[in-house]
């Protein structure tokens, strides 16, 4: 696996998603746009992957614990209802590329207690056991844990978007 590290480190328009996609699909940095700078960026990333023969976000899995962090009043009056099949616990090893997945975590550098947690997300690659195996930010090389990991579990992973070769 050719690891592609970030060249744009920014709280809003960094290239962590781009670098994870490059690393996962074996693409050169120059051949992939920095989607987060575009309007409707995730839809454009899906189209880009589709043109390469991959299905991005064919399934998205969620860490339900983040609902209590990002929407603190959820569950105050009634038990929240989550679609259990969308839980991180239902991630299947065969849904990744070489056993790896695109995962979002809260940014270690930009997550602040006074801001809403979703304000600064960061993209990493993880395996099916929620081990973060690649972080494209070279400043996080020796990171011990991600923000809110102890609170939300799953090594601090917020969501996982599966990506697979079409037809598999």
Protein backbone atom coordinates (compact mmCIF):
# COMPACT_ATOMS: atom_id res chain seq x y z
CA UNK A 1 0.00 0.00 0.00
CA UNK A 2 1.37 3.36 -1.06
CA UNK A 3 0.60 5.80 1.78
CA UNK A 4 -0.39 9.27 0.59
CA UNK A 5 -0.05 12.00 3.22
CA UNK A 6 -1.83 15.32 3.43
CA UNK A 7 -0.43 18.37 1.73
CA UNK A 8 -3.28 20.65 2.83
CA UNK A 9 -3.83 20.69 6.57
CA UNK A 10 -6.81 22.91 7.33
CA UNK A 11 -9.77 22.91 9.72
CA UNK A 12 -12.23 23.12 6.81
CA UNK A 13 -10.70 22.25 3.43
CA UNK A 14 -7.89 19.82 4.18
CA UNK A 15 -7.15 16.93 1.87
CA UNK A 16 -7.43 14.02 4.33
CA UNK A 17 -10.36 12.47 2.42
CA UNK A 18 -8.46 12.74 -0.86
CA UNK A 19 -5.34 11.16 0.65
CA UNK A 20 -7.30 8.27 2.15
CA UNK A 21 -8.94 7.63 -1.21
CA UNK A 22 -5.55 7.74 -2.96
CA UNK A 23 -4.05 5.32 -0.44
CA UNK A 24 -7.01 2.95 -0.52
CA UNK A 25 -7.30 2.80 -4.32
CA UNK A 26 -3.60 3.10 -5.17
CA UNK A 27 -4.01 6.45 -6.92
CA UNK A 28 -1.53 9.29 -7.29
CA UNK A 29 -2.23 12.48 -5.37
CA UNK A 30 -2.27 14.48 -8.60
CA UNK A 31 -5.01 12.28 -10.10
CA UNK A 32 -7.63 12.89 -7.40
CA UNK A 33 -9.46 16.18 -6.76
CA UNK A 34 -9.75 17.65 -3.30
CA UNK A 35 -13.47 16.98 -3.18
CA UNK A 36 -14.16 18.92 0.04
CA UNK A 37 -13.46 22.17 -1.83
CA UNK A 38 -16.38 21.43 -4.17
CA UNK A 39 -20.09 22.00 -3.82
CA UNK A 40 -21.87 18.67 -3.25
CA UNK A 41 -18.43 17.19 -2.70
CA UNK A 42 -19.48 13.75 -1.49
CA UNK A 43 -21.72 13.16 -4.50
CA UNK A 44 -18.78 14.13 -6.73
CA UNK A 45 -16.54 11.68 -4.88
CA UNK A 46 -19.11 8.94 -5.44
CA UNK A 47 -19.20 9.77 -9.18
CA UNK A 48 -15.38 9.81 -9.33
CA UNK A 49 -15.16 6.37 -7.74
CA UNK A 50 -17.94 5.08 -9.98
CA UNK A 51 -15.94 6.11 -13.07
CA UNK A 52 -13.01 4.07 -11.69
CA UNK A 53 -15.19 1.01 -11.17
CA UNK A 54 -15.74 1.41 -7.41
CA UNK A 55 -18.84 1.90 -5.37
CA UNK A 56 -18.23 4.46 -2.60
CA UNK A 57 -20.66 4.59 0.31
CA UNK A 58 -22.48 1.51 -0.87
CA UNK A 59 -23.14 1.16 2.86
CA UNK A 60 -22.57 3.70 5.59
CA UNK A 61 -22.28 2.48 9.16
CA UNK A 62 -22.76 4.71 12.18
CA UNK A 63 -21.50 4.85 15.72
CA UNK A 64 -24.83 5.40 17.49
CA UNK A 65 -23.03 6.80 20.54
CA UNK A 66 -22.28 10.00 18.60
CA UNK A 67 -25.98 10.87 18.58
CA UNK A 68 -25.76 11.58 22.30
CA UNK A 69 -22.68 13.72 21.73
CA UNK A 70 -23.89 15.63 18.68
CA UNK A 71 -27.57 15.85 19.69
CA UNK A 72 -27.46 16.03 23.49
CA UNK A 73 -31.24 16.16 23.93
CA UNK A 74 -31.90 12.97 21.97
CA UNK A 75 -33.54 10.45 24.23
CA UNK A 76 -34.69 13.01 26.80
CA UNK A 77 -38.40 12.27 26.25
CA UNK A 78 -38.43 8.93 24.49
CA UNK A 79 -36.03 6.14 23.63
CA UNK A 80 -34.25 6.97 20.36
CA UNK A 81 -34.87 4.58 17.49
CA UNK A 82 -31.87 3.68 15.39
CA UNK A 83 -31.79 1.43 12.34
CA UNK A 84 -29.73 -1.35 13.92
CA UNK A 85 -28.51 -2.69 10.58
CA UNK A 86 -26.62 0.62 10.17
CA UNK A 87 -24.59 0.08 13.35
CA UNK A 88 -20.79 -0.14 13.16
CA UNK A 89 -21.22 -3.58 14.72
CA UNK A 90 -22.66 -4.81 11.41
CA UNK A 91 -19.59 -3.92 9.37
CA UNK A 92 -18.52 -6.93 7.34
CA UNK A 93 -14.89 -7.66 6.55
CA UNK A 94 -15.65 -8.32 2.87
CA UNK A 95 -17.07 -4.83 2.30
CA UNK A 96 -13.68 -3.14 2.28
CA UNK A 97 -10.75 -2.80 -0.09
CA UNK A 98 -8.05 -5.19 1.09
CA UNK A 99 -9.81 -5.21 4.46
CA UNK A 100 -9.77 -1.42 4.84
CA UNK A 101 -12.50 1.19 5.07
CA UNK A 102 -12.91 4.98 4.91
CA UNK A 103 -13.73 6.20 8.42
CA UNK A 104 -14.41 9.60 9.92
CA UNK A 105 -13.15 10.67 13.33
CA UNK A 106 -13.13 14.00 15.13
CA UNK A 107 -10.03 16.01 14.25
CA UNK A 108 -7.39 15.91 17.00
CA UNK A 109 -6.08 19.36 16.09
CA UNK A 110 -9.33 21.23 15.53
CA UNK A 111 -11.94 19.64 17.80
CA UNK A 112 -12.67 22.10 20.61
CA UNK A 113 -15.02 21.77 23.56
CA UNK A 114 -16.70 25.09 22.74
CA UNK A 115 -17.64 24.00 19.19
CA UNK A 116 -20.14 21.44 18.00
CA UNK A 117 -18.31 18.10 17.61
CA UNK A 118 -19.24 17.71 13.95
CA UNK A 119 -17.50 21.00 13.08
CA UNK A 120 -14.17 19.36 12.31
CA UNK A 121 -14.17 15.82 11.01
CA UNK A 122 -11.09 14.00 9.81
CA UNK A 123 -10.77 11.01 7.46
CA UNK A 124 -8.70 7.91 8.25
CA UNK A 125 -8.54 4.29 7.12
CA UNK A 126 -9.54 1.53 9.50
CA UNK A 127 -9.95 -2.23 9.48
CA UNK A 128 -13.09 -4.22 10.32
CA UNK A 129 -12.05 -4.34 13.99
CA UNK A 130 -12.05 -0.51 14.13
CA UNK A 131 -8.27 -0.26 14.35
CA UNK A 132 -7.12 2.91 12.64
CA UNK A 133 -4.40 1.67 10.32
CA UNK A 134 -3.62 4.88 8.44
CA UNK A 135 -3.99 8.55 9.26
CA UNK A 136 -3.01 10.80 6.35
CA UNK A 137 -2.02 13.70 8.61
CA UNK A 138 1.73 13.33 9.25
CA UNK A 139 1.32 15.32 12.47
CA UNK A 140 -0.78 12.48 13.91
CA UNK A 141 1.89 9.83 13.39
CA UNK A 142 2.18 9.09 17.12
CA UNK A 143 -1.42 9.72 18.09
CA UNK A 144 -2.56 7.71 21.06
CA UNK A 145 -6.31 8.21 20.70
CA UNK A 146 -8.82 10.38 18.84
CA UNK A 147 -11.13 12.97 20.44
CA UNK A 148 -14.09 11.47 22.29
CA UNK A 149 -12.78 7.91 21.79
CA UNK A 150 -13.34 7.10 25.46
CA UNK A 151 -16.82 8.53 25.30
CA UNK A 152 -18.08 7.03 22.03
CA UNK A 153 -15.97 3.86 21.79
CA UNK A 154 -14.95 2.27 18.48
CA UNK A 155 -11.53 3.92 18.69
CA UNK A 156 -13.23 7.30 18.18
CA UNK A 157 -14.73 6.35 14.81
CA UNK A 158 -17.88 8.31 13.97
CA UNK A 159 -18.88 6.69 10.66
CA UNK A 160 -17.53 4.22 8.13
CA UNK A 161 -18.29 4.43 4.42
CA UNK A 162 -17.71 1.18 2.62
CA UNK A 163 -16.10 1.10 -0.78
CA UNK A 164 -15.90 -1.91 -3.02
CA UNK A 165 -15.08 -2.90 -6.55
CA UNK A 166 -18.27 -2.87 -8.63
CA UNK A 167 -19.72 -6.30 -9.24
CA UNK A 168 -18.34 -7.82 -6.03
